[in-house]
Amino acid sequence: MVSEKIDLAQFLNQQYLCESLTVKEVMTLIDYTELVTFNKGDVIAEIGEVGEALYFVIEGEAALYAGDKTETQVGVIKAGELMGEMSFFDRNPRSVRAKALKDNTRLLKLTRAMYKRLRVEHPYIAVNLLEHAIVSLDHLFRQASQDISTFNSYLYAPGRK
């Protein structure tokens, strides 16, 4: 367990989320999370649920799918990235389903209850987490904007009727 915590801390120290945290603060953040493992195809988060946890991908990948009967992959979350932050913070139902893309997909799970404790007990760490969530959402928005722009240029390109 101690060895696993040290491995997690070493991984997190290399990520944007923890770039301004001390090793001790990273270890504290880990204490507020739970390491969860999923196999390929396992549902991590379901459409329509309100996010009661957010996840930081440690190993493997997760795919985001839209649609109930016919799933359409709309994104991939890789190691080092945050997921589930939108529904977690706005408390609206999830608009996509998250599934593990690989066996042994490992995530750090931060529940709402533990996040509330973290905000009170370690506000500096919580602020770093919020900044990371903002950057993550910004990347998502920019990617969606680029996809829409590309789609529009294809549909409405000069010479197209």
N, C-alpha and C. Protein backbone atom coordinates (compact mmCIF):
# COMPACT_ATOMS: atom_id res chain seq x y z
N MET A 1 0.82 -1.20 0.00
CA MET A 1 0.00 0.00 0.00
C MET A 1 0.86 1.26 0.00
N VAL A 2 1.90 1.29 0.86
CA VAL A 2 2.78 2.45 0.92
C VAL A 2 3.52 2.62 -0.40
N SER A 3 3.99 1.50 -0.97
CA SER A 3 4.69 1.53 -2.25
C SER A 3 3.79 2.07 -3.35
N GLU A 4 2.52 1.62 -3.34
CA GLU A 4 1.56 2.09 -4.34
C GLU A 4 1.32 3.59 -4.19
N LYS A 5 1.23 4.07 -2.97
CA LYS A 5 1.03 5.50 -2.72
C LYS A 5 2.22 6.31 -3.22
N ILE A 6 3.41 5.80 -3.02
CA ILE A 6 4.62 6.48 -3.51
C ILE A 6 4.63 6.51 -5.03
N ASP A 7 4.24 5.39 -5.67
CA ASP A 7 4.16 5.36 -7.14
C ASP A 7 3.14 6.38 -7.65
N LEU A 8 2.00 6.46 -7.00
CA LEU A 8 0.98 7.45 -7.37
C LEU A 8 1.52 8.87 -7.23
N ALA A 9 2.19 9.13 -6.12
CA ALA A 9 2.75 10.46 -5.88
C ALA A 9 3.77 10.81 -6.95
N GLN A 10 4.62 9.86 -7.33
CA GLN A 10 5.60 10.12 -8.38
C GLN A 10 4.92 10.43 -9.70
N PHE A 11 3.88 9.68 -10.04
CA PHE A 11 3.13 9.94 -11.27
C PHE A 11 2.47 11.33 -11.21
N LEU A 12 1.79 11.61 -10.12
CA LEU A 12 1.08 12.88 -10.00
C LEU A 12 2.03 14.08 -10.00
N ASN A 13 3.21 13.92 -9.44
CA ASN A 13 4.18 15.01 -9.44
C ASN A 13 4.59 15.43 -10.84
N GLN A 14 4.39 14.57 -11.81
CA GLN A 14 4.73 14.87 -13.20
C GLN A 14 3.56 15.45 -13.98
N GLN A 15 2.40 15.61 -13.32
CA GLN A 15 1.20 16.08 -14.00
C GLN A 15 0.92 17.55 -13.70
N TYR A 16 0.20 18.19 -14.62
CA TYR A 16 -0.16 19.60 -14.46
C TYR A 16 -0.89 19.84 -13.14
N LEU A 17 -1.76 18.94 -12.77
CA LEU A 17 -2.55 19.06 -11.55
C LEU A 17 -1.67 19.37 -10.34
N CYS A 18 -0.51 18.78 -10.29
CA CYS A 18 0.32 18.86 -9.08
C CYS A 18 1.61 19.66 -9.28
N GLU A 19 1.73 20.38 -10.38
CA GLU A 19 3.00 21.04 -10.65
C GLU A 19 3.37 22.09 -9.61
N SER A 20 2.41 22.66 -8.92
CA SER A 20 2.74 23.66 -7.90
C SER A 20 2.51 23.14 -6.48
N LEU A 21 2.33 21.82 -6.35
CA LEU A 21 2.16 21.22 -5.03
C LEU A 21 3.47 20.59 -4.57
N THR A 22 3.68 20.59 -3.27
CA THR A 22 4.83 19.90 -2.70
C THR A 22 4.52 18.40 -2.68
N VAL A 23 5.54 17.59 -2.46
CA VAL A 23 5.35 16.15 -2.36
C VAL A 23 4.38 15.83 -1.22
N LYS A 24 4.52 16.53 -0.11
CA LYS A 24 3.63 16.31 1.02
C LYS A 24 2.17 16.62 0.64
N GLU A 25 1.96 17.69 -0.12
CA GLU A 25 0.60 18.06 -0.54
C GLU A 25 0.04 17.03 -1.52
N VAL A 26 0.88 16.49 -2.38
CA VAL A 26 0.44 15.43 -3.30
C VAL A 26 0.02 14.19 -2.51
N MET A 27 0.80 13.85 -1.50
CA MET A 27 0.46 12.70 -0.65
C MET A 27 -0.86 12.95 0.08
N THR A 28 -1.07 14.19 0.50
CA THR A 28 -2.33 14.55 1.17
C THR A 28 -3.49 14.39 0.20
N LEU A 29 -3.34 14.87 -1.03
CA LEU A 29 -4.40 14.72 -2.04
C LEU A 29 -4.73 13.24 -2.24
N ILE A 30 -3.72 12.41 -2.32
CA ILE A 30 -3.94 10.96 -2.50
C ILE A 30 -4.75 10.40 -1.34
N ASP A 31 -4.51 10.91 -0.13
CA ASP A 31 -5.27 10.44 1.04
C ASP A 31 -6.76 10.71 0.92
N TYR A 32 -7.14 11.69 0.13
CA TYR A 32 -8.56 12.04 -0.04
C TYR A 32 -9.21 11.29 -1.20
N THR A 33 -8.43 10.50 -1.92
CA THR A 33 -8.95 9.80 -3.08
C THR A 33 -8.96 8.29 -2.84
N GLU A 34 -9.56 7.60 -3.78
CA GLU A 34 -9.61 6.14 -3.76
C GLU A 34 -9.13 5.66 -5.12
N LEU A 35 -8.24 4.69 -5.14
CA LEU A 35 -7.78 4.12 -6.40
C LEU A 35 -8.78 3.06 -6.83
N VAL A 36 -9.33 3.22 -8.03
CA VAL A 36 -10.31 2.26 -8.56
C VAL A 36 -9.80 1.73 -9.89
N THR A 37 -10.12 0.48 -10.19
CA THR A 37 -9.65 -0.17 -11.41
C THR A 37 -10.83 -0.69 -12.21
N PHE A 38 -10.76 -0.49 -13.53
CA PHE A 38 -11.81 -0.95 -14.44
C PHE A 38 -11.17 -1.76 -15.55
N ASN A 39 -11.92 -2.71 -16.09
CA ASN A 39 -11.47 -3.49 -17.25
C ASN A 39 -12.16 -2.98 -18.50
N LYS A 40 -11.62 -3.34 -19.64
CA LYS A 40 -12.13 -2.89 -20.92
C LYS A 40 -13.65 -3.09 -21.00
N GLY A 41 -14.36 -2.01 -21.35
CA GLY A 41 -15.80 -2.06 -21.50
C GLY A 41 -16.59 -1.75 -20.24
N ASP A 42 -15.93 -1.74 -19.08
CA ASP A 42 -16.63 -1.41 -17.84
C ASP A 42 -17.09 0.04 -17.87
N VAL A 43 -18.32 0.27 -17.42
CA VAL A 43 -18.86 1.63 -17.35
C VAL A 43 -18.32 2.31 -16.09
N ILE A 44 -17.72 3.46 -16.28
CA ILE A 44 -17.18 4.25 -15.18
C ILE A 44 -18.23 5.25 -14.69
N ALA A 45 -18.91 5.86 -15.64
CA ALA A 45 -19.95 6.85 -15.33
C ALA A 45 -21.03 6.73 -16.40
N GLU A 46 -22.29 6.84 -15.98
CA GLU A 46 -23.42 6.61 -16.88
C GLU A 46 -24.12 7.91 -17.25
N ILE A 47 -24.65 7.94 -18.47
CA ILE A 47 -25.46 9.06 -18.94
C ILE A 47 -26.63 9.23 -17.97
N GLY A 48 -26.94 10.47 -17.62
CA GLY A 48 -28.08 10.77 -16.77
C GLY A 48 -27.76 10.84 -15.29
N GLU A 49 -26.64 10.27 -14.87
CA GLU A 49 -26.25 10.36 -13.46
C GLU A 49 -25.73 11.76 -13.17
N VAL A 50 -25.93 12.21 -11.95
CA VAL A 50 -25.27 13.43 -11.49
C VAL A 50 -23.93 13.00 -10.91
N GLY A 51 -22.87 13.65 -11.32
CA GLY A 51 -21.53 13.25 -10.91
C GLY A 51 -21.28 13.44 -9.43
N GLU A 52 -21.16 12.35 -8.72
CA GLU A 52 -20.84 12.40 -7.30
C GLU A 52 -19.35 12.17 -7.06
N ALA A 53 -18.60 12.06 -8.16
CA ALA A 53 -17.15 11.90 -8.06
C ALA A 53 -16.53 12.41 -9.35
N LEU A 54 -15.28 12.83 -9.25
CA LEU A 54 -14.50 13.11 -10.45
C LEU A 54 -13.30 12.19 -10.42
N TYR A 55 -12.70 11.99 -11.58
CA TYR A 55 -11.67 10.97 -11.73
C TYR A 55 -10.43 11.55 -12.40
N PHE A 56 -9.28 11.06 -11.96
CA PHE A 56 -8.01 11.41 -12.58
C PHE A 56 -7.43 10.11 -13.11
N VAL A 57 -7.21 10.04 -14.43
CA VAL A 57 -6.75 8.80 -15.05
C VAL A 57 -5.26 8.61 -14.74
N ILE A 58 -4.95 7.49 -14.11
CA ILE A 58 -3.59 7.15 -13.73
C ILE A 58 -2.95 6.24 -14.78
N GLU A 59 -3.72 5.26 -15.23
CA GLU A 59 -3.20 4.29 -16.20
C GLU A 59 -4.35 3.84 -17.08
N GLY A 60 -4.06 3.62 -18.35
CA GLY A 60 -5.08 3.20 -19.30
C GLY A 60 -5.77 4.39 -19.94
N GLU A 61 -6.95 4.15 -20.47
CA GLU A 61 -7.73 5.20 -21.13
C GLU A 61 -9.21 4.94 -20.92
N ALA A 62 -9.96 6.02 -21.02
CA ALA A 62 -11.42 5.91 -20.96
C ALA A 62 -11.98 6.60 -22.20
N ALA A 63 -13.06 6.06 -22.71
CA ALA A 63 -13.72 6.67 -23.87
C ALA A 63 -15.04 7.25 -23.41
N LEU A 64 -15.43 8.34 -24.06
CA LEU A 64 -16.72 8.99 -23.79
C LEU A 64 -17.65 8.67 -24.96
N TYR A 65 -18.88 8.25 -24.62
CA TYR A 65 -19.85 7.85 -25.64
C TYR A 65 -21.14 8.62 -25.46
N ALA A 66 -21.70 9.06 -26.57
CA ALA A 66 -23.02 9.69 -26.59
C ALA A 66 -24.01 8.67 -27.14
N GLY A 67 -25.26 8.80 -26.74
CA GLY A 67 -26.30 7.93 -27.27
C GLY A 67 -26.54 6.71 -26.40
N ASP A 68 -27.79 6.29 -26.36
CA ASP A 68 -28.15 5.13 -25.55
C ASP A 68 -28.11 3.84 -26.35
N LYS A 69 -28.86 3.80 -27.45
CA LYS A 69 -28.96 2.56 -28.22
C LYS A 69 -27.78 2.40 -29.17
N THR A 70 -27.41 3.47 -29.83
CA THR A 70 -26.27 3.45 -30.73
C THR A 70 -25.21 4.38 -30.16
N GLU A 71 -24.20 3.79 -29.55
CA GLU A 71 -23.14 4.59 -28.94
C GLU A 71 -22.23 5.18 -30.00
N THR A 72 -21.91 6.45 -29.84
CA THR A 72 -20.95 7.12 -30.70
C THR A 72 -19.84 7.65 -29.83
N GLN A 73 -18.62 7.22 -30.11
CA GLN A 73 -17.49 7.69 -29.31
C GLN A 73 -17.23 9.16 -29.64
N VAL A 74 -17.20 9.99 -28.59
CA VAL A 74 -17.03 11.43 -28.78
C VAL A 74 -15.74 11.95 -28.13
N GLY A 75 -14.99 11.08 -27.48
CA GLY A 75 -13.75 11.53 -26.88
C GLY A 75 -13.01 10.41 -26.19
N VAL A 76 -11.73 10.68 -25.92
CA VAL A 76 -10.88 9.74 -25.20
C VAL A 76 -10.14 10.52 -24.11
N ILE A 77 -10.14 9.97 -22.91
CA ILE A 77 -9.43 10.56 -21.78
C ILE A 77 -8.23 9.67 -21.51
N LYS A 78 -7.04 10.26 -21.55
CA LYS A 78 -5.80 9.49 -21.39
C LYS A 78 -5.19 9.69 -20.01
N ALA A 79 -4.18 8.89 -19.73
CA ALA A 79 -3.47 8.99 -18.45
C ALA A 79 -2.98 10.43 -18.25
N GLY A 80 -3.21 10.93 -17.05
CA GLY A 80 -2.83 12.30 -16.72
C GLY A 80 -3.96 13.30 -16.85
N GLU A 81 -5.10 12.85 -17.37
CA GLU A 81 -6.22 13.75 -17.59
C GLU A 81 -7.33 13.52 -16.56
N LEU A 82 -8.10 14.58 -16.34
CA LEU A 82 -9.23 14.58 -15.43
C LEU A 82 -10.48 14.26 -16.21
N MET A 83 -11.44 13.58 -15.58
CA MET A 83 -12.73 13.36 -16.24
C MET A 83 -13.85 13.38 -15.21
N GLY A 84 -15.03 13.73 -15.70
CA GLY A 84 -16.20 13.79 -14.83
C GLY A 84 -16.37 15.11 -14.12
N GLU A 85 -15.50 16.07 -14.42
CA GLU A 85 -15.53 17.33 -13.69
C GLU A 85 -16.74 18.19 -14.01
N MET A 86 -17.29 18.10 -15.22
CA MET A 86 -18.41 18.96 -15.59
C MET A 86 -19.63 18.67 -14.72
N SER A 87 -20.07 17.43 -14.69
CA SER A 87 -21.23 17.06 -13.88
C SER A 87 -20.94 17.17 -12.39
N PHE A 88 -19.70 16.91 -12.01
CA PHE A 88 -19.31 17.01 -10.61
C PHE A 88 -19.51 18.43 -10.10
N PHE A 89 -19.08 19.41 -10.86
CA PHE A 89 -19.16 20.79 -10.39
C PHE A 89 -20.50 21.46 -10.67
N ASP A 90 -21.14 21.17 -11.81
CA ASP A 90 -22.43 21.86 -12.07
C ASP A 90 -23.63 21.07 -11.58
N ARG A 91 -23.41 19.83 -11.16
CA ARG A 91 -24.45 18.96 -10.60
C ARG A 91 -25.62 18.71 -11.55
N ASN A 92 -25.35 18.78 -12.83
CA ASN A 92 -26.33 18.41 -13.83
C ASN A 92 -26.04 16.98 -14.30
N PRO A 93 -27.05 16.30 -14.82
CA PRO A 93 -26.83 14.91 -15.26
C PRO A 93 -25.74 14.83 -16.35
N ARG A 94 -25.01 13.74 -16.31
CA ARG A 94 -23.96 13.51 -17.31
C ARG A 94 -24.60 13.37 -18.69
N SER A 95 -23.92 13.94 -19.69
CA SER A 95 -24.43 13.87 -21.06
C SER A 95 -23.74 12.77 -21.87
N VAL A 96 -22.70 12.15 -21.30
CA VAL A 96 -22.00 11.06 -21.98
C VAL A 96 -21.75 9.92 -20.99
N ARG A 97 -21.49 8.76 -21.56
CA ARG A 97 -21.13 7.58 -20.78
C ARG A 97 -19.62 7.43 -20.86
N ALA A 98 -18.97 7.12 -19.76
CA ALA A 98 -17.53 6.87 -19.75
C ALA A 98 -17.29 5.39 -19.53
N LYS A 99 -16.46 4.80 -20.40
CA LYS A 99 -16.12 3.38 -20.31
C LYS A 99 -14.61 3.23 -20.40
N ALA A 100 -14.11 2.22 -19.72
CA ALA A 100 -12.69 1.90 -19.81
C ALA A 100 -12.40 1.36 -21.21
N LEU A 101 -11.31 1.84 -21.81
CA LEU A 101 -10.91 1.35 -23.13
C LEU A 101 -9.93 0.19 -23.05
N LYS A 102 -9.29 0.04 -21.89
CA LYS A 102 -8.28 -1.00 -21.72
C LYS A 102 -8.49 -1.71 -20.40
N ASP A 103 -8.03 -2.94 -20.32
CA ASP A 103 -8.01 -3.64 -19.03
C ASP A 103 -7.06 -2.90 -18.10
N ASN A 104 -7.33 -3.01 -16.82
CA ASN A 104 -6.50 -2.40 -15.78
C ASN A 104 -6.40 -0.88 -15.93
N THR A 105 -7.53 -0.26 -16.31
CA THR A 105 -7.59 1.20 -16.34
C THR A 105 -7.75 1.67 -14.90
N ARG A 106 -6.74 2.40 -14.42
CA ARG A 106 -6.71 2.82 -13.01
C ARG A 106 -7.00 4.30 -12.91
N LEU A 107 -7.91 4.63 -12.01
CA LEU A 107 -8.33 6.02 -11.80
C LEU A 107 -8.26 6.36 -10.32
N LEU A 108 -7.91 7.61 -10.05
CA LEU A 108 -8.08 8.13 -8.70
C LEU A 108 -9.45 8.77 -8.65
N LYS A 109 -10.25 8.35 -7.72
CA LYS A 109 -11.62 8.82 -7.58
C LYS A 109 -11.71 9.76 -6.38
N LEU A 110 -12.20 10.96 -6.63
CA LEU A 110 -12.43 11.93 -5.55
C LEU A 110 -13.93 12.14 -5.43
N THR A 111 -14.50 11.67 -4.33
CA THR A 111 -15.94 11.81 -4.13
C THR A 111 -16.27 13.24 -3.69
N ARG A 112 -17.52 13.60 -3.82
CA ARG A 112 -17.98 14.93 -3.41
C ARG A 112 -17.72 15.16 -1.92
N ALA A 113 -18.00 14.16 -1.10
CA ALA A 113 -17.79 14.30 0.35
C ALA A 113 -16.32 14.57 0.66
N MET A 114 -15.42 13.85 0.00
CA MET A 114 -14.00 14.05 0.25
C MET A 114 -13.53 15.40 -0.32
N TYR A 115 -14.12 15.81 -1.44
CA TYR A 115 -13.76 17.11 -2.00
C TYR A 115 -14.17 18.23 -1.04
N LYS A 116 -15.35 18.10 -0.43
CA LYS A 116 -15.79 19.11 0.54
C LYS A 116 -14.83 19.18 1.73
N ARG A 117 -14.39 18.03 2.19
CA ARG A 117 -13.39 18.02 3.28
C ARG A 117 -12.09 18.66 2.84
N LEU A 118 -11.65 18.32 1.63
CA LEU A 118 -10.40 18.86 1.10
C LEU A 118 -10.46 20.39 1.02
N ARG A 119 -11.60 20.92 0.58
CA ARG A 119 -11.76 22.39 0.48
C ARG A 119 -11.56 23.06 1.82
N VAL A 120 -12.07 22.45 2.87
CA VAL A 120 -11.98 23.04 4.21
C VAL A 120 -10.61 22.79 4.83
N GLU A 121 -10.12 21.57 4.74
CA GLU A 121 -8.90 21.19 5.43
C GLU A 121 -7.62 21.57 4.68
N HIS A 122 -7.69 21.63 3.35
CA HIS A 122 -6.51 21.94 2.54
C HIS A 122 -6.92 22.80 1.34
N PRO A 123 -7.31 24.05 1.58
CA PRO A 123 -7.82 24.89 0.49
C PRO A 123 -6.84 25.10 -0.66
N TYR A 124 -5.54 25.15 -0.38
CA TYR A 124 -4.56 25.35 -1.45
C TYR A 124 -4.60 24.18 -2.44
N ILE A 125 -4.72 22.98 -1.93
CA ILE A 125 -4.79 21.80 -2.80
C ILE A 125 -6.09 21.84 -3.60
N ALA A 126 -7.18 22.21 -2.94
CA ALA A 126 -8.47 22.29 -3.62
C ALA A 126 -8.44 23.34 -4.74
N VAL A 127 -7.79 24.47 -4.51
CA VAL A 127 -7.68 25.50 -5.54
C VAL A 127 -6.90 24.96 -6.74
N ASN A 128 -5.83 24.22 -6.49
CA ASN A 128 -5.07 23.61 -7.59
C ASN A 128 -5.94 22.65 -8.38
N LEU A 129 -6.77 21.88 -7.69
CA LEU A 129 -7.68 20.97 -8.36
C LEU A 129 -8.69 21.74 -9.22
N LEU A 130 -9.23 22.81 -8.68
CA LEU A 130 -10.17 23.64 -9.45
C LEU A 130 -9.52 24.23 -10.69
N GLU A 131 -8.29 24.73 -10.54
CA GLU A 131 -7.58 25.28 -11.70
C GLU A 131 -7.39 24.21 -12.76
N HIS A 132 -7.05 23.00 -12.33
CA HIS A 132 -6.88 21.91 -13.28
C HIS A 132 -8.21 21.59 -13.98
N ALA A 133 -9.30 21.61 -13.23
CA ALA A 133 -10.62 21.36 -13.82
C ALA A 133 -10.96 22.44 -14.85
N ILE A 134 -10.62 23.69 -14.56
CA ILE A 134 -10.89 24.79 -15.50
C ILE A 134 -10.09 24.57 -16.78
N VAL A 135 -8.83 24.22 -16.66
CA VAL A 135 -8.00 23.97 -17.84
C VAL A 135 -8.55 22.78 -18.62
N SER A 136 -8.97 21.74 -17.93
CA SER A 136 -9.54 20.56 -18.58
C SER A 136 -10.80 20.92 -19.36
N LEU A 137 -11.68 21.70 -18.75
CA LEU A 137 -12.90 22.13 -19.43
C LEU A 137 -12.59 23.06 -20.59
N ASP A 138 -11.57 23.90 -20.44
CA ASP A 138 -11.15 24.79 -21.52
C ASP A 138 -10.68 23.97 -22.72
N HIS A 139 -9.89 22.93 -22.47
CA HIS A 139 -9.43 22.07 -23.57
C HIS A 139 -10.61 21.41 -24.26
N LEU A 140 -11.58 20.95 -23.48
CA LEU A 140 -12.77 20.32 -24.04
C LEU A 140 -13.54 21.31 -24.91
N PHE A 141 -13.72 22.52 -24.42
CA PHE A 141 -14.45 23.54 -25.17
C PHE A 141 -13.70 23.90 -26.46
N ARG A 142 -12.39 24.08 -26.37
CA ARG A 142 -11.60 24.43 -27.56
C ARG A 142 -11.66 23.31 -28.60
N GLN A 143 -11.60 22.05 -28.14
CA GLN A 143 -11.68 20.93 -29.08
C GLN A 143 -13.04 20.89 -29.75
N ALA A 144 -14.11 21.09 -28.97
CA ALA A 144 -15.45 21.11 -29.55
C ALA A 144 -15.59 22.26 -30.54
N SER A 145 -15.05 23.42 -30.22
CA SER A 145 -15.09 24.58 -31.12
C SER A 145 -14.35 24.28 -32.42
N GLN A 146 -13.19 23.64 -32.31
CA GLN A 146 -12.42 23.28 -33.50
C GLN A 146 -13.18 22.27 -34.35
N ASP A 147 -13.80 21.28 -33.69
CA ASP A 147 -14.58 20.27 -34.42
C ASP A 147 -15.74 20.92 -35.16
N ILE A 148 -16.43 21.85 -34.51
CA ILE A 148 -17.56 22.55 -35.15
C ILE A 148 -17.06 23.39 -36.32
N SER A 149 -15.94 24.08 -36.13
CA SER A 149 -15.37 24.90 -37.20
C SER A 149 -15.00 24.04 -38.41
N THR A 150 -14.36 22.90 -38.15
CA THR A 150 -13.98 22.00 -39.23
C THR A 150 -15.22 21.48 -39.95
N PHE A 151 -16.23 21.09 -39.19
CA PHE A 151 -17.47 20.60 -39.76
C PHE A 151 -18.14 21.67 -40.61
N ASN A 152 -18.21 22.89 -40.09
CA ASN A 152 -18.82 24.00 -40.84
C ASN A 152 -18.05 24.31 -42.11
N SER A 153 -16.73 24.29 -42.06
CA SER A 153 -15.95 24.58 -43.27
C SER A 153 -16.15 23.49 -44.31
N TYR A 154 -16.37 22.27 -43.86
CA TYR A 154 -16.66 21.19 -44.79
C TYR A 154 -18.05 21.38 -45.41
N LEU A 155 -19.04 21.70 -44.58
CA LEU A 155 -20.41 21.85 -45.07
C LEU A 155 -20.59 23.07 -45.96
N TYR A 156 -19.96 24.15 -45.56
CA TYR A 156 -20.21 25.44 -46.22
C TYR A 156 -19.00 25.94 -46.99
N ALA A 157 -18.15 25.03 -47.44
CA ALA A 157 -16.96 25.43 -48.19
C ALA A 157 -17.35 26.13 -49.47
N PRO A 158 -16.54 27.10 -49.90
CA PRO A 158 -16.83 27.78 -51.18
C PRO A 158 -16.94 26.76 -52.30
N GLY A 159 -17.94 26.95 -53.16
CA GLY A 159 -18.15 26.05 -54.27
C GLY A 159 -19.06 24.89 -53.96
N ARG A 160 -19.41 24.70 -52.68
CA ARG A 160 -20.34 23.62 -52.31
C ARG A 160 -21.77 24.14 -52.46
N LYS A 161 -22.64 23.32 -52.89
CA LYS A 161 -24.04 23.73 -53.05
C LYS A 161 -24.91 22.94 -52.14
